[in-house]
């Protein structure tokens, strides 16, 4: 009888031990949880980020020594800054919309060799404004527009294609590409550069447009990147037709270089 009672008590104690272990487990697990790093930047200069590893910043009052070295007009104490690892055309066309929407000016546009190791480059755009609110707003508009302007950027492991269009070019496009202000303007970019050459020829043959610029790896501001850029202006319908023709050819050619699908980065807008 004593042996039986001992066995029963052992079983009861064992079960109680299991229950206590279950109760303690959540507490132990809770202590092991690590807080994830918040995706925020607590700086007044930070505006935001966007597609293409793009960052937007603003400086309310540029240090006078740096201001002089940057060769900025003295009336522009505030600047907006947009920088990206991937993309140039999308950012410049987006910045063009920002200029139309704000009381700011494009101070400089540079195309650093980048694309995160790809065939093209990134971008650095500086806005100038007398009021910091205008500089910040210019950056905000640019970041917001990028989802649209990346709509006709097509990338694969073999290269990329880019097409941009506006019905009315403004000062950003004029500064970057010499686009006639107030007129329809388009751009084709093909990488590898060989594809860009054929796309340019296709575009200008497809419609009556005025060729504004033609940039190759060693000539015309492509930062020695492996791409060819063609820019053109003219009637709105003609500019769009030139882009449509070049896009059709470019997608076929880029598709022949890899098994990757040649698809839009976001949603085509042209």
Protein backbone atom coordinates (compact mmCIF):
# COMPACT_ATOMS: atom_id res chain seq x y z
CA UNK A 1 0.00 0.00 0.00
CA UNK A 2 2.80 2.37 0.87
CA UNK A 3 4.47 1.61 -2.47
CA UNK A 4 1.24 2.40 -4.33
CA UNK A 5 0.83 5.73 -2.53
CA UNK A 6 4.42 6.61 -3.28
CA UNK A 7 3.91 5.98 -6.99
CA UNK A 8 0.71 8.05 -7.01
CA UNK A 9 2.43 10.97 -5.28
CA UNK A 10 5.35 10.79 -7.72
CA UNK A 11 2.97 11.01 -10.69
CA UNK A 12 1.14 13.98 -9.17
CA UNK A 13 4.39 15.84 -8.49
CA UNK A 14 5.60 15.12 -12.02
CA UNK A 15 2.43 16.56 -13.56
CA UNK A 16 2.65 19.65 -11.36
CA UNK A 17 6.20 20.16 -12.53
CA UNK A 18 5.10 20.02 -16.17
CA UNK A 19 2.42 22.65 -15.56
CA UNK A 20 4.92 25.00 -13.92
CA UNK A 21 7.29 24.56 -16.86
CA UNK A 22 4.54 25.48 -19.33
CA UNK A 23 3.66 28.56 -17.28
CA UNK A 24 7.25 29.70 -17.15
CA UNK A 25 7.96 29.23 -20.86
CA UNK A 26 6.25 32.44 -22.12
CA UNK A 27 8.19 34.47 -19.55
CA UNK A 28 11.47 32.96 -20.73
CA UNK A 29 10.57 33.52 -24.38
CA UNK A 30 9.63 37.11 -23.65
CA UNK A 31 13.05 37.89 -22.28
CA UNK A 32 14.66 36.61 -25.48
CA UNK A 33 12.68 38.86 -27.83
CA UNK A 34 14.84 41.63 -29.29
CA UNK A 35 13.35 44.92 -30.33
CA UNK A 36 13.71 45.64 -34.02
CA UNK A 37 15.46 48.82 -35.06
CA UNK A 38 12.87 51.52 -35.81
CA UNK A 39 12.80 52.65 -39.43
CA UNK A 40 12.88 56.35 -38.57
CA UNK A 41 15.44 59.13 -38.47
CA UNK A 42 14.97 61.76 -35.80
CA UNK A 43 16.69 64.59 -37.65
CA UNK A 44 15.00 67.77 -38.83
CA UNK A 45 17.08 67.54 -42.02
CA UNK A 46 15.59 64.16 -42.97
CA UNK A 47 12.65 64.32 -45.40
CA UNK A 48 12.21 60.70 -46.46
CA UNK A 49 13.23 57.85 -48.74
CA UNK A 50 11.89 56.34 -51.95
CA UNK A 51 12.45 53.72 -54.64
CA UNK A 52 15.94 53.40 -56.10
CA UNK A 53 17.62 53.72 -52.69
CA UNK A 54 16.73 57.39 -52.81
CA UNK A 55 17.04 59.72 -49.83
CA UNK A 56 15.67 63.24 -49.45
CA UNK A 57 17.24 65.82 -47.12
CA UNK A 58 17.03 69.53 -46.44
CA UNK A 59 19.39 72.10 -44.91
CA UNK A 60 17.65 75.18 -43.57
CA UNK A 61 20.74 77.37 -43.46
CA UNK A 62 23.85 76.15 -45.27
CA UNK A 63 27.13 77.00 -43.55
CA UNK A 64 28.54 80.07 -45.26
CA UNK A 65 31.89 78.42 -46.01
CA UNK A 66 30.24 75.44 -47.70
CA UNK A 67 27.75 77.78 -49.36
CA UNK A 68 30.61 79.58 -51.04
CA UNK A 69 32.36 76.38 -52.11
CA UNK A 70 29.11 75.06 -53.61
CA UNK A 71 28.84 78.29 -55.65
CA UNK A 72 25.24 78.85 -54.62
CA UNK A 73 23.50 82.17 -55.18
CA UNK A 74 23.60 84.09 -51.88
CA UNK A 75 19.83 84.47 -51.80
CA UNK A 76 19.41 80.69 -51.47
CA UNK A 77 20.21 79.97 -47.83
CA UNK A 78 18.16 76.76 -47.82
CA UNK A 79 18.74 73.74 -50.03
CA UNK A 80 16.91 70.49 -50.72
CA UNK A 81 18.96 67.41 -51.52
CA UNK A 82 17.89 64.27 -53.40
CA UNK A 83 20.42 61.49 -53.84
CA UNK A 84 20.01 57.97 -55.24
CA UNK A 85 21.99 54.83 -55.96
CA UNK A 86 19.82 53.82 -58.92
CA UNK A 87 18.11 56.03 -61.46
CA UNK A 88 18.74 59.46 -62.92
CA UNK A 89 16.04 60.10 -65.49
CA UNK A 90 13.26 59.25 -63.02
CA UNK A 91 14.71 61.66 -60.49
CA UNK A 92 15.26 64.48 -62.95
CA UNK A 93 11.75 64.18 -64.37
CA UNK A 94 10.38 64.02 -60.82
CA UNK A 95 12.43 67.08 -59.87
CA UNK A 96 11.01 68.86 -62.90
CA UNK A 97 7.52 68.40 -61.44
CA UNK A 98 8.79 69.69 -58.10
CA UNK A 99 10.05 72.88 -59.74
CA UNK A 100 6.63 73.44 -61.30
CA UNK A 101 4.94 72.95 -57.93
CA UNK A 102 7.20 75.01 -55.66
CA UNK A 103 9.05 78.28 -55.40
CA UNK A 104 12.46 76.66 -55.76
CA UNK A 105 15.24 76.39 -58.30
CA UNK A 106 17.51 73.62 -59.51
CA UNK A 107 21.05 74.49 -58.48
CA UNK A 108 22.85 71.40 -59.75
CA UNK A 109 22.31 67.93 -61.17
CA UNK A 110 25.06 65.33 -61.18
CA UNK A 111 25.06 61.72 -62.36
CA UNK A 112 27.51 59.66 -60.30
CA UNK A 113 28.65 56.33 -61.74
CA UNK A 114 26.69 53.83 -59.70
CA UNK A 115 23.47 51.85 -60.30
CA UNK A 116 24.72 49.68 -57.44
CA UNK A 117 27.21 47.99 -59.75
CA UNK A 118 24.97 47.95 -62.83
CA UNK A 119 25.44 49.58 -66.22
CA UNK A 120 24.22 53.06 -65.34
CA UNK A 121 24.46 55.72 -62.67
CA UNK A 122 22.73 57.31 -59.72
CA UNK A 123 21.89 60.94 -59.15
CA UNK A 124 22.50 63.95 -56.94
CA UNK A 125 20.06 66.85 -57.26
CA UNK A 126 20.28 70.11 -55.30
CA UNK A 127 17.33 72.51 -54.99
CA UNK A 128 17.75 76.07 -53.82
CA UNK A 129 15.12 78.18 -52.06
CA UNK A 130 14.91 81.36 -50.01
CA UNK A 131 12.55 79.63 -47.58
CA UNK A 132 13.31 76.20 -46.12
CA UNK A 133 9.66 75.21 -46.50
CA UNK A 134 10.01 75.51 -50.29
CA UNK A 135 13.19 73.44 -50.29
CA UNK A 136 11.54 70.75 -48.19
CA UNK A 137 8.43 70.74 -50.35
CA UNK A 138 10.52 70.36 -53.51
CA UNK A 139 12.16 67.26 -52.02
CA UNK A 140 8.79 65.87 -50.90
CA UNK A 141 7.28 66.27 -54.37
CA UNK A 142 10.31 64.63 -55.98
CA UNK A 143 10.15 61.61 -53.67
CA UNK A 144 6.42 61.24 -54.25
CA UNK A 145 6.77 61.43 -58.04
CA UNK A 146 9.35 58.63 -58.20
CA UNK A 147 6.81 55.81 -58.06
CA UNK A 148 5.38 57.21 -61.28
CA UNK A 149 8.62 58.05 -63.08
CA UNK A 150 10.08 54.61 -62.34
CA UNK A 151 7.11 53.16 -64.25
CA UNK A 152 9.01 52.97 -67.52
CA UNK A 153 12.31 51.76 -66.11
CA UNK A 154 12.98 48.12 -66.98
CA UNK A 155 15.87 46.24 -65.42
CA UNK A 156 17.34 42.75 -65.71
CA UNK A 157 20.61 41.15 -64.69
CA UNK A 158 21.93 42.01 -68.17
CA UNK A 159 21.13 45.73 -68.25
CA UNK A 160 18.32 48.26 -68.17
CA UNK A 161 16.03 50.41 -70.29
CA UNK A 162 14.53 53.74 -69.39
CA UNK A 163 11.89 55.92 -71.00
CA UNK A 164 10.57 59.25 -69.76
CA UNK A 165 8.05 61.74 -71.08
CA UNK A 166 6.59 65.10 -70.10
CA UNK A 167 4.11 67.27 -71.95
CA UNK A 168 5.80 70.41 -70.65
CA UNK A 169 9.46 70.50 -69.76
CA UNK A 170 10.61 72.87 -67.02
CA UNK A 171 13.92 74.04 -65.56
CA UNK A 172 15.21 70.73 -64.19
CA UNK A 173 15.05 69.10 -67.61
CA UNK A 174 16.45 72.22 -69.21
CA UNK A 175 19.42 72.20 -66.85
CA UNK A 176 20.11 68.47 -67.18
CA UNK A 177 19.38 67.88 -70.85
CA UNK A 178 18.85 71.25 -72.51
CA UNK A 179 15.13 70.55 -72.96
CA UNK A 180 13.16 73.44 -74.47
CA UNK A 181 11.10 74.89 -71.63
CA UNK A 182 7.35 74.50 -72.09
CA UNK A 183 7.60 71.88 -74.86
CA UNK A 184 7.01 68.13 -74.89
CA UNK A 185 10.18 66.22 -74.13
CA UNK A 186 11.20 62.57 -74.11
CA UNK A 187 14.19 60.39 -73.33
CA UNK A 188 15.35 56.88 -74.16
CA UNK A 189 18.14 55.09 -72.29
CA UNK A 190 19.56 51.73 -73.25
CA UNK A 191 22.16 49.65 -71.41
CA UNK A 192 24.28 47.96 -72.60
CA UNK A 193 25.07 50.93 -74.83
CA UNK A 194 24.63 48.96 -78.06
CA UNK A 195 20.93 48.64 -77.33
CA UNK A 196 20.74 52.37 -76.67
CA UNK A 197 22.17 53.15 -80.12
CA UNK A 198 19.49 51.14 -81.92
CA UNK A 199 16.76 52.52 -79.68
CA UNK A 200 17.81 56.09 -80.48
CA UNK A 201 17.73 55.40 -84.21
CA UNK A 202 14.33 53.72 -83.91
CA UNK A 203 12.89 56.63 -81.95
CA UNK A 204 13.89 59.39 -84.35
CA UNK A 205 12.76 57.35 -87.37
CA UNK A 206 9.37 56.60 -85.84
CA UNK A 207 8.18 60.20 -85.56
CA UNK A 208 9.04 63.77 -86.47
CA UNK A 209 10.99 64.99 -83.45
CA UNK A 210 13.89 67.35 -82.82
CA UNK A 211 16.90 65.52 -81.40
CA UNK A 212 18.19 67.53 -78.43
CA UNK A 213 21.00 65.32 -77.25
CA UNK A 214 22.83 62.04 -77.79
CA UNK A 215 25.11 60.77 -75.01
CA UNK A 216 27.44 57.76 -75.20
CA UNK A 217 29.73 56.14 -72.59
CA UNK A 218 32.58 58.52 -73.40
CA UNK A 219 30.71 61.59 -74.60
CA UNK A 220 27.75 63.54 -73.34
CA UNK A 221 27.59 63.23 -69.57
CA UNK A 222 26.83 59.55 -68.93
CA UNK A 223 29.69 59.27 -66.42
CA UNK A 224 31.35 56.66 -68.66
CA UNK A 225 28.48 54.29 -67.89
CA UNK A 226 27.60 51.53 -70.34
CA UNK A 227 24.54 53.19 -71.83
CA UNK A 228 23.38 55.51 -74.59
CA UNK A 229 20.91 58.31 -73.91
CA UNK A 230 18.84 60.04 -76.60
CA UNK A 231 16.68 63.08 -75.84
CA UNK A 232 14.19 64.73 -78.15
CA UNK A 233 11.42 67.30 -78.25
CA UNK A 234 8.48 68.15 -80.48
CA UNK A 235 4.75 67.65 -80.74
CA UNK A 236 3.35 65.69 -77.81
CA UNK A 237 2.00 62.88 -79.97
CA UNK A 238 5.24 62.59 -81.92
CA UNK A 239 7.39 62.41 -78.78
CA UNK A 240 5.21 59.66 -77.33
CA UNK A 241 5.25 57.72 -80.61
CA UNK A 242 9.04 57.87 -80.71
CA UNK A 243 9.17 56.47 -77.17
CA UNK A 244 6.68 53.69 -77.93
CA UNK A 245 8.74 52.53 -80.91
CA UNK A 246 12.03 52.59 -78.99
CA UNK A 247 10.49 50.79 -76.02
CA UNK A 248 9.21 47.93 -78.16
CA UNK A 249 12.61 47.39 -79.74
CA UNK A 250 14.55 47.83 -76.51
CA UNK A 251 12.51 45.26 -74.56
CA UNK A 252 13.10 42.63 -77.23
CA UNK A 253 16.83 43.28 -77.34
CA UNK A 254 17.34 43.33 -73.58
CA UNK A 255 15.26 40.17 -73.27
CA UNK A 256 17.64 38.35 -75.59
CA UNK A 257 20.53 38.79 -73.15
CA UNK A 258 19.11 36.87 -70.18
CA UNK A 259 16.23 34.72 -69.04
CA UNK A 260 14.96 37.51 -66.80
CA UNK A 261 11.56 39.00 -67.51
CA UNK A 262 11.81 42.56 -68.81
CA UNK A 263 9.19 44.23 -66.64
CA UNK A 264 8.41 47.67 -65.29
CA UNK A 265 9.82 48.74 -61.93
CA UNK A 266 6.37 50.00 -60.92
CA UNK A 267 3.54 50.78 -63.38
CA UNK A 268 4.10 52.22 -66.86
CA UNK A 269 2.82 55.78 -67.18
CA UNK A 270 3.67 56.72 -70.78
